[in-house]
Amino acid sequence: MKQSDVAQSDRSLRALLLEDSALDVELVTEALAATGLAVTVHNVVDRADFSNAVRETSWDLILADYVLPAFDGLSALSLARELCPDTPFIFVSGTLGEEVAVEALKRGATDYVLKQRLERLPTTVLRALSEARARAEQQRTQEALHRLLEERTALLHELDHRVKNNLQLLLSLLGIDIRQTRNREVREALGYMKQRLQALAAAHRDLYDGRGRRGSMRRPSQGACARS
């Protein structure tokens, strides 16, 4: 994964790090620098600080140790998935066994990196950011399509309303002329025109009912604190 694959603005990448070891904070921060991106790391060490951070601030990335003295990584993952489901969440731990790692991924973790292999962290982070960006773009596309569908539906409703009103007006005027005229040939010609307009109105109604009232697209869910 190359740095160019992740589009970033001039601002720093905001990373939340749940880690109680000051040494590991330094090592993770150094590893993140290898991504080539400007990264600002905010370190928290317990449940209260982590909860406040994900509730009050938008993050581009969340990194978490799996085992802490008064908190655990899976609880942090659950909280993050509840409050900011679109933000990449990566475990950085020295005690993450294979079964635990699989369970973490099932619960929504983006990936995991062992502390003994922090050289993998830059590539893992870049891939996670790229995938998050792709999902955000897809979501924006779906929202744009939804707005387009709403505009099309509104236009169709307006067109249907105007056509039906004009046809009804013409039919009413023809009905008045048919009742008032004494010329049989004129009355028959007007009657024929009325029949044709009635057929046109029926065709319009069938066309509108068949094509204009289909189900609309659903909006995609939006994450609470992920930023694209």
C-alpha atoms as a PDB file:
ATOM      1  CA  MET A   1       0.000   0.000   0.000  1.00  0.00           C
ATOM      2  CA  LYS A   2       1.467   3.303  -1.071  1.00  0.00           C
ATOM      3  CA  GLN A   3       1.026   6.680   0.573  1.00  0.00           C
ATOM      4  CA  SER A   4      -0.489   7.999  -2.667  1.00  0.00           C
ATOM      5  CA  ASP A   5      -3.341   5.486  -2.289  1.00  0.00           C
ATOM      6  CA  VAL A   6      -4.634   7.416   0.725  1.00  0.00           C
ATOM      7  CA  ALA A   7      -5.920  10.905  -0.065  1.00  0.00           C
ATOM      8  CA  GLN A   8      -5.319  13.215   2.862  1.00  0.00           C
ATOM      9  CA  SER A   9      -5.921  16.900   3.361  1.00  0.00           C
ATOM     10  CA  ASP A  10      -3.352  19.307   4.803  1.00  0.00           C
ATOM     11  CA  ARG A  11      -4.502  18.533   8.346  1.00  0.00           C
ATOM     12  CA  SER A  12      -2.834  15.879  10.467  1.00  0.00           C
ATOM     13  CA  LEU A  13      -4.222  12.384  10.627  1.00  0.00           C
ATOM     14  CA  ARG A  14      -5.907  12.074  14.017  1.00  0.00           C
ATOM     15  CA  ALA A  15      -5.188   8.750  15.733  1.00  0.00           C
ATOM     16  CA  LEU A  16      -6.599   7.662  19.096  1.00  0.00           C
ATOM     17  CA  LEU A  17      -4.298   5.211  20.902  1.00  0.00           C
ATOM     18  CA  LEU A  18      -5.514   3.154  23.865  1.00  0.00           C
ATOM     19  CA  GLU A  19      -2.249   2.133  25.516  1.00  0.00           C
ATOM     20  CA  ASP A  20      -1.006   2.215  29.123  1.00  0.00           C
ATOM     21  CA  SER A  21       2.718   1.757  28.399  1.00  0.00           C
ATOM     22  CA  ALA A  22       4.589   4.980  27.716  1.00  0.00           C
ATOM     23  CA  LEU A  23       7.309   3.042  25.882  1.00  0.00           C
ATOM     24  CA  ASP A  24       4.793   1.354  23.605  1.00  0.00           C
ATOM     25  CA  VAL A  25       3.167   4.717  22.902  1.00  0.00           C
ATOM     26  CA  GLU A  26       6.531   5.980  21.666  1.00  0.00           C
ATOM     27  CA  LEU A  27       7.113   2.853  19.561  1.00  0.00           C
ATOM     28  CA  VAL A  28       3.667   2.998  17.974  1.00  0.00           C
ATOM     29  CA  THR A  29       4.025   6.724  17.274  1.00  0.00           C
ATOM     30  CA  GLU A  30       7.373   6.083  15.618  1.00  0.00           C
ATOM     31  CA  ALA A  31       5.887   3.288  13.538  1.00  0.00           C
ATOM     32  CA  LEU A  32       3.037   5.536  12.408  1.00  0.00           C
ATOM     33  CA  ALA A  33       5.576   8.100  11.226  1.00  0.00           C
ATOM     34  CA  ALA A  34       6.781   5.494   8.741  1.00  0.00           C
ATOM     35  CA  THR A  35       3.472   5.826   6.864  1.00  0.00           C
ATOM     36  CA  GLY A  36       4.741   9.139   5.498  1.00  0.00           C
ATOM     37  CA  LEU A  37       1.589  10.856   6.733  1.00  0.00           C
ATOM     38  CA  ALA A  38       1.376  13.640   9.277  1.00  0.00           C
ATOM     39  CA  VAL A  39      -0.060  11.846  12.304  1.00  0.00           C
ATOM     40  CA  THR A  40      -1.231  13.326  15.597  1.00  0.00           C
ATOM     41  CA  VAL A  41      -1.525  10.643  18.283  1.00  0.00           C
ATOM     42  CA  HIS A  42      -3.785  11.117  21.301  1.00  0.00           C
ATOM     43  CA  ASN A  43      -3.058   8.577  24.037  1.00  0.00           C
ATOM     44  CA  VAL A  44      -5.657   7.380  26.568  1.00  0.00           C
ATOM     45  CA  VAL A  45      -5.210   4.696  29.214  1.00  0.00           C
ATOM     46  CA  ASP A  46      -8.618   3.846  30.676  1.00  0.00           C
ATOM     47  CA  ARG A  47     -12.306   3.408  29.900  1.00  0.00           C
ATOM     48  CA  ALA A  48     -13.383   6.899  30.923  1.00  0.00           C
ATOM     49  CA  ASP A  49     -10.813   8.700  28.792  1.00  0.00           C
ATOM     50  CA  PHE A  50     -11.431   6.392  25.818  1.00  0.00           C
ATOM     51  CA  SER A  51     -15.195   6.822  26.068  1.00  0.00           C
ATOM     52  CA  ASN A  52     -14.907  10.604  26.247  1.00  0.00           C
ATOM     53  CA  ALA A  53     -12.503  10.642  23.299  1.00  0.00           C
ATOM     54  CA  VAL A  54     -14.741   8.666  20.935  1.00  0.00           C
ATOM     55  CA  ARG A  55     -17.825  10.605  22.020  1.00  0.00           C
ATOM     56  CA  GLU A  56     -16.395  14.096  21.732  1.00  0.00           C
ATOM     57  CA  THR A  57     -13.855  13.935  18.897  1.00  0.00           C
ATOM     58  CA  SER A  58     -13.715  12.659  15.338  1.00  0.00           C
ATOM     59  CA  TRP A  59     -10.885  10.232  14.642  1.00  0.00           C
ATOM     60  CA  ASP A  60      -9.365   8.935  11.440  1.00  0.00           C
ATOM     61  CA  LEU A  61      -7.947   5.868  13.169  1.00  0.00           C
ATOM     62  CA  ILE A  62      -8.237   4.018  16.472  1.00  0.00           C
ATOM     63  CA  LEU A  63      -5.413   1.828  17.784  1.00  0.00           C
ATOM     64  CA  ALA A  64      -5.810  -0.216  20.969  1.00  0.00           C
ATOM     65  CA  ASP A  65      -3.912  -2.653  23.129  1.00  0.00           C
ATOM     66  CA  TYR A  66      -5.877  -5.783  23.921  1.00  0.00           C
ATOM     67  CA  VAL A  67      -5.101  -6.076  27.637  1.00  0.00           C
ATOM     68  CA  LEU A  68      -5.000  -3.129  30.051  1.00  0.00           C
ATOM     69  CA  PRO A  69      -5.144  -3.024  33.856  1.00  0.00           C
ATOM     70  CA  ALA A  70      -8.656  -1.535  34.102  1.00  0.00           C
ATOM     71  CA  PHE A  71     -10.014  -1.943  30.580  1.00  0.00           C
ATOM     72  CA  ASP A  72      -9.903  -4.391  27.693  1.00  0.00           C
ATOM     73  CA  GLY A  73      -9.630  -4.075  23.956  1.00  0.00           C
ATOM     74  CA  LEU A  74     -12.872  -5.875  23.067  1.00  0.00           C
ATOM     75  CA  SER A  75     -14.871  -3.486  25.251  1.00  0.00           C
ATOM     76  CA  ALA A  76     -13.142  -0.578  23.542  1.00  0.00           C
ATOM     77  CA  LEU A  77     -13.952  -2.132  20.172  1.00  0.00           C
ATOM     78  CA  SER A  78     -17.638  -2.496  21.078  1.00  0.00           C
ATOM     79  CA  LEU A  79     -17.820   1.119  22.195  1.00  0.00           C
ATOM     80  CA  ALA A  80     -16.051   2.349  19.067  1.00  0.00           C
ATOM     81  CA  ARG A  81     -18.305   0.317  16.769  1.00  0.00           C
ATOM     82  CA  GLU A  82     -21.344   1.772  18.521  1.00  0.00           C
ATOM     83  CA  LEU A  83     -20.238   5.403  18.352  1.00  0.00           C
ATOM     84  CA  CYS A  84     -18.103   5.553  15.201  1.00  0.00           C
ATOM     85  CA  PRO A  85     -18.586   2.367  13.181  1.00  0.00           C
ATOM     86  CA  ASP A  86     -16.763   3.681  10.107  1.00  0.00           C
ATOM     87  CA  THR A  87     -13.510   4.528  11.866  1.00  0.00           C
ATOM     88  CA  PRO A  88     -10.764   1.912  11.298  1.00  0.00           C
ATOM     89  CA  PHE A  89      -9.967   0.046  14.531  1.00  0.00           C
ATOM     90  CA  ILE A  90      -6.652  -1.803  14.744  1.00  0.00           C
ATOM     91  CA  PHE A  91      -5.433  -3.862  17.690  1.00  0.00           C
ATOM     92  CA  VAL A  92      -1.759  -3.389  18.557  1.00  0.00           C
ATOM     93  CA  SER A  93      -0.978  -5.977  21.188  1.00  0.00           C
ATOM     94  CA  GLY A  94       1.671  -8.397  22.345  1.00  0.00           C
ATOM     95  CA  THR A  95      -0.811 -10.943  23.727  1.00  0.00           C
ATOM     96  CA  LEU A  96      -3.253 -11.417  20.870  1.00  0.00           C
ATOM     97  CA  GLY A  97      -3.569 -15.133  20.109  1.00  0.00           C
ATOM     98  CA  GLU A  98      -5.011 -16.484  16.864  1.00  0.00           C
ATOM     99  CA  GLU A  99      -8.419 -17.333  18.317  1.00  0.00           C
ATOM    100  CA  VAL A 100      -8.693 -13.949  20.003  1.00  0.00           C
ATOM    101  CA  ALA A 101      -7.654 -12.188  16.797  1.00  0.00           C
ATOM    102  CA  VAL A 102     -10.323 -14.040  14.798  1.00  0.00           C
ATOM    103  CA  GLU A 103     -12.939 -13.134  17.391  1.00  0.00           C
ATOM    104  CA  ALA A 104     -11.861  -9.479  17.300  1.00  0.00           C
ATOM    105  CA  LEU A 105     -12.205  -9.398  13.516  1.00  0.00           C
ATOM    106  CA  LYS A 106     -15.649 -10.978  13.764  1.00  0.00           C
ATOM    107  CA  ARG A 107     -16.685  -8.229  16.163  1.00  0.00           C
ATOM    108  CA  GLY A 108     -15.652  -5.520  13.738  1.00  0.00           C
ATOM    109  CA  ALA A 109     -11.952  -4.870  14.204  1.00  0.00           C
ATOM    110  CA  THR A 110     -10.290  -3.762  10.991  1.00  0.00           C
ATOM    111  CA  ASP A 111      -7.011  -5.597  11.591  1.00  0.00           C
ATOM    112  CA  TYR A 112      -4.397  -6.404  14.229  1.00  0.00           C
ATOM    113  CA  VAL A 113      -0.631  -6.028  14.568  1.00  0.00           C
ATOM    114  CA  LEU A 114       1.578  -7.708  17.134  1.00  0.00           C
ATOM    115  CA  LYS A 115       3.887  -5.424  19.093  1.00  0.00           C
ATOM    116  CA  GLN A 116       6.731  -7.757  18.214  1.00  0.00           C
ATOM    117  CA  ARG A 117       6.123  -6.917  14.539  1.00  0.00           C
ATOM    118  CA  LEU A 118       5.429  -3.188  14.560  1.00  0.00           C
ATOM    119  CA  GLU A 119       7.085  -2.930  11.136  1.00  0.00           C
ATOM    120  CA  ARG A 120       3.734  -4.191   9.799  1.00  0.00           C
ATOM    121  CA  LEU A 121       1.847  -1.264  11.310  1.00  0.00           C
ATOM    122  CA  PRO A 122       2.449   1.350   8.553  1.00  0.00           C
ATOM    123  CA  THR A 123       1.226  -0.972   5.794  1.00  0.00           C
ATOM    124  CA  THR A 124      -1.748  -2.088   7.892  1.00  0.00           C
ATOM    125  CA  VAL A 125      -2.714   1.506   8.673  1.00  0.00           C
ATOM    126  CA  LEU A 126      -2.430   2.666   5.065  1.00  0.00           C
ATOM    127  CA  ARG A 127      -4.564  -0.238   3.884  1.00  0.00           C
ATOM    128  CA  ALA A 128      -7.194   0.428   6.554  1.00  0.00           C
ATOM    129  CA  LEU A 129      -7.348   4.140   5.672  1.00  0.00           C
ATOM    130  CA  SER A 130      -7.609   3.358   1.971  1.00  0.00           C
ATOM    131  CA  GLU A 131     -10.474   0.937   2.560  1.00  0.00           C
ATOM    132  CA  ALA A 132     -12.255   3.435   4.814  1.00  0.00           C
ATOM    133  CA  ARG A 133     -11.893   6.110   2.148  1.00  0.00           C
ATOM    134  CA  ALA A 134     -13.319   3.754  -0.487  1.00  0.00           C
ATOM    135  CA  ARG A 135     -16.312   3.000   1.752  1.00  0.00           C
ATOM    136  CA  ALA A 136     -16.872   6.717   2.353  1.00  0.00           C
ATOM    137  CA  GLU A 137     -16.803   7.407  -1.381  1.00  0.00           C
ATOM    138  CA  GLN A 138     -19.258   4.588  -1.983  1.00  0.00           C
ATOM    139  CA  GLN A 139     -21.547   6.009   0.689  1.00  0.00           C
ATOM    140  CA  ARG A 140     -21.387   9.472  -0.888  1.00  0.00           C
ATOM    141  CA  THR A 141     -22.219   7.926  -4.261  1.00  0.00           C
ATOM    142  CA  GLN A 142     -25.216   6.119  -2.801  1.00  0.00           C
ATOM    143  CA  GLU A 143     -26.425   9.320  -1.149  1.00  0.00           C
ATOM    144  CA  ALA A 144     -26.060  11.197  -4.432  1.00  0.00           C
ATOM    145  CA  LEU A 145     -28.065   8.498  -6.213  1.00  0.00           C
ATOM    146  CA  HIS A 146     -30.707   8.706  -3.510  1.00  0.00           C
ATOM    147  CA  ARG A 147     -30.979  12.476  -3.932  1.00  0.00           C
ATOM    148  CA  LEU A 148     -31.190  12.041  -7.708  1.00  0.00           C
ATOM    149  CA  LEU A 149     -33.963   9.503  -7.290  1.00  0.00           C
ATOM    150  CA  GLU A 150     -35.858  11.840  -4.973  1.00  0.00           C
ATOM    151  CA  GLU A 151     -35.552  14.674  -7.500  1.00  0.00           C
ATOM    152  CA  ARG A 152     -36.674  12.409 -10.321  1.00  0.00           C
ATOM    153  CA  THR A 153     -39.645  11.182  -8.281  1.00  0.00           C
ATOM    154  CA  ALA A 154     -40.678  14.731  -7.386  1.00  0.00           C
ATOM    155  CA  LEU A 155     -40.421  15.776 -11.036  1.00  0.00           C
ATOM    156  CA  LEU A 156     -42.456  12.758 -12.089  1.00  0.00           C
ATOM    157  CA  HIS A 157     -45.165  13.567  -9.534  1.00  0.00           C
ATOM    158  CA  GLU A 158     -45.307  17.167 -10.739  1.00  0.00           C
ATOM    159  CA  LEU A 159     -45.515  16.087 -14.387  1.00  0.00           C
ATOM    160  CA  ASP A 160     -48.244  13.588 -13.598  1.00  0.00           C
ATOM    161  CA  HIS A 161     -50.207  16.213 -11.692  1.00  0.00           C
ATOM    162  CA  ARG A 162     -50.032  18.736 -14.537  1.00  0.00           C
ATOM    163  CA  VAL A 163     -50.878  16.231 -17.272  1.00  0.00           C
ATOM    164  CA  LYS A 164     -53.891  14.890 -15.371  1.00  0.00           C
ATOM    165  CA  ASN A 165     -55.145  18.398 -14.627  1.00  0.00           C
ATOM    166  CA  ASN A 166     -54.830  19.501 -18.272  1.00  0.00           C
ATOM    167  CA  LEU A 167     -56.497  16.351 -19.560  1.00  0.00           C
ATOM    168  CA  GLN A 168     -59.337  16.753 -17.067  1.00  0.00           C
ATOM    169  CA  LEU A 169     -59.789  20.371 -18.104  1.00  0.00           C
ATOM    170  CA  LEU A 170     -59.950  19.417 -21.783  1.00  0.00           C
ATOM    171  CA  LEU A 171     -62.426  16.632 -21.075  1.00  0.00           C
ATOM    172  CA  SER A 172     -64.612  19.012 -19.087  1.00  0.00           C
ATOM    173  CA  LEU A 173     -64.583  21.608 -21.874  1.00  0.00           C
ATOM    174  CA  LEU A 174     -65.416  18.960 -24.477  1.00  0.00           C
ATOM    175  CA  GLY A 175     -68.239  17.715 -22.286  1.00  0.00           C
ATOM    176  CA  ILE A 176     -69.679  21.240 -22.104  1.00  0.00           C
ATOM    177  CA  ASP A 177     -69.383  21.695 -25.892  1.00  0.00           C
ATOM    178  CA  ILE A 178     -71.017  18.317 -26.541  1.00  0.00           C
ATOM    179  CA  ARG A 179     -73.978  19.190 -24.336  1.00  0.00           C
ATOM    180  CA  GLN A 180     -74.406  22.634 -25.855  1.00  0.00           C
ATOM    181  CA  THR A 181     -73.997  21.917 -29.564  1.00  0.00           C
ATOM    182  CA  ARG A 182     -77.032  21.069 -31.704  1.00  0.00           C
ATOM    183  CA  ASN A 183     -75.080  19.946 -34.719  1.00  0.00           C
ATOM    184  CA  ARG A 184     -74.988  16.157 -34.817  1.00  0.00           C
ATOM    185  CA  GLU A 185     -71.773  15.974 -36.869  1.00  0.00           C
ATOM    186  CA  VAL A 186     -70.005  18.403 -34.562  1.00  0.00           C
ATOM    187  CA  ARG A 187     -71.281  16.509 -31.527  1.00  0.00           C
ATOM    188  CA  GLU A 188     -69.998  13.217 -32.969  1.00  0.00           C
ATOM    189  CA  ALA A 189     -66.605  14.767 -33.767  1.00  0.00           C
ATOM    190  CA  LEU A 190     -66.367  16.189 -30.255  1.00  0.00           C
ATOM    191  CA  GLY A 191     -67.419  12.833 -28.821  1.00  0.00           C
ATOM    192  CA  TYR A 192     -64.674  11.103 -30.800  1.00  0.00           C
ATOM    193  CA  MET A 193     -62.125  13.627 -29.497  1.00  0.00           C
ATOM    194  CA  LYS A 194     -63.356  13.014 -25.969  1.00  0.00           C
ATOM    195  CA  GLN A 195     -62.928   9.275 -26.377  1.00  0.00           C
ATOM    196  CA  ARG A 196     -59.389   9.758 -27.643  1.00  0.00           C
ATOM    197  CA  LEU A 197     -58.545  12.007 -24.699  1.00  0.00           C
ATOM    198  CA  GLN A 198     -60.044   9.488 -22.294  1.00  0.00           C
ATOM    199  CA  ALA A 199     -57.885   6.769 -23.861  1.00  0.00           C
ATOM    200  CA  LEU A 200     -54.849   9.048 -23.525  1.00  0.00           C
ATOM    201  CA  ALA A 201     -55.681   9.703 -19.868  1.00  0.00           C
ATOM    202  CA  ALA A 202     -56.035   5.972 -19.210  1.00  0.00           C
ATOM    203  CA  ALA A 203     -52.697   5.267 -20.919  1.00  0.00           C
ATOM    204  CA  HIS A 204     -51.025   7.987 -18.863  1.00  0.00           C
ATOM    205  CA  ARG A 205     -52.507   6.569 -15.660  1.00  0.00           C
ATOM    206  CA  ASP A 206     -51.334   3.041 -16.491  1.00  0.00           C
ATOM    207  CA  LEU A 207     -47.862   4.295 -17.403  1.00  0.00           C
ATOM    208  CA  TYR A 208     -47.539   6.338 -14.215  1.00  0.00           C
ATOM    209  CA  ASP A 209     -48.846   3.576 -11.959  1.00  0.00           C
ATOM    210  CA  GLY A 210     -46.509   1.065 -13.559  1.00  0.00           C
ATOM    211  CA  ARG A 211     -43.311   3.115 -13.574  1.00  0.00           C
ATOM    212  CA  GLY A 212     -43.711   6.117 -11.292  1.00  0.00           C
ATOM    213  CA  ARG A 213     -44.512   4.425  -8.016  1.00  0.00           C
ATOM    214  CA  ARG A 214     -41.723   1.924  -7.605  1.00  0.00           C
ATOM    215  CA  GLY A 215     -39.848   1.596  -4.324  1.00  0.00           C
ATOM    216  CA  SER A 216     -37.208   4.196  -3.550  1.00  0.00           C
ATOM    217  CA  MET A 217     -33.573   3.572  -2.614  1.00  0.00           C
ATOM    218  CA  ARG A 218     -32.612   3.435   1.062  1.00  0.00           C
ATOM    219  CA  ARG A 219     -30.046   5.737   2.567  1.00  0.00           C
ATOM    220  CA  PRO A 220     -26.913   4.102   3.826  1.00  0.00           C
ATOM    221  CA  SER A 221     -26.127   4.302   7.433  1.00  0.00           C
ATOM    222  CA  GLN A 222     -23.645   6.886   8.519  1.00  0.00           C
ATOM    223  CA  GLY A 223     -20.906   6.526  11.063  1.00  0.00           C
ATOM    224  CA  ALA A 224     -20.788   8.733  14.097  1.00  0.00           C
ATOM    225  CA  CYS A 225     -17.208   9.948  14.102  1.00  0.00           C
ATOM    226  CA  ALA A 226     -15.343   8.753  11.013  1.00  0.00           C
ATOM    227  CA  ARG A 227     -13.979  11.529   8.825  1.00  0.00           C
ATOM    228  CA  SER A 228     -13.173  11.201   5.151  1.00  0.00           C
END
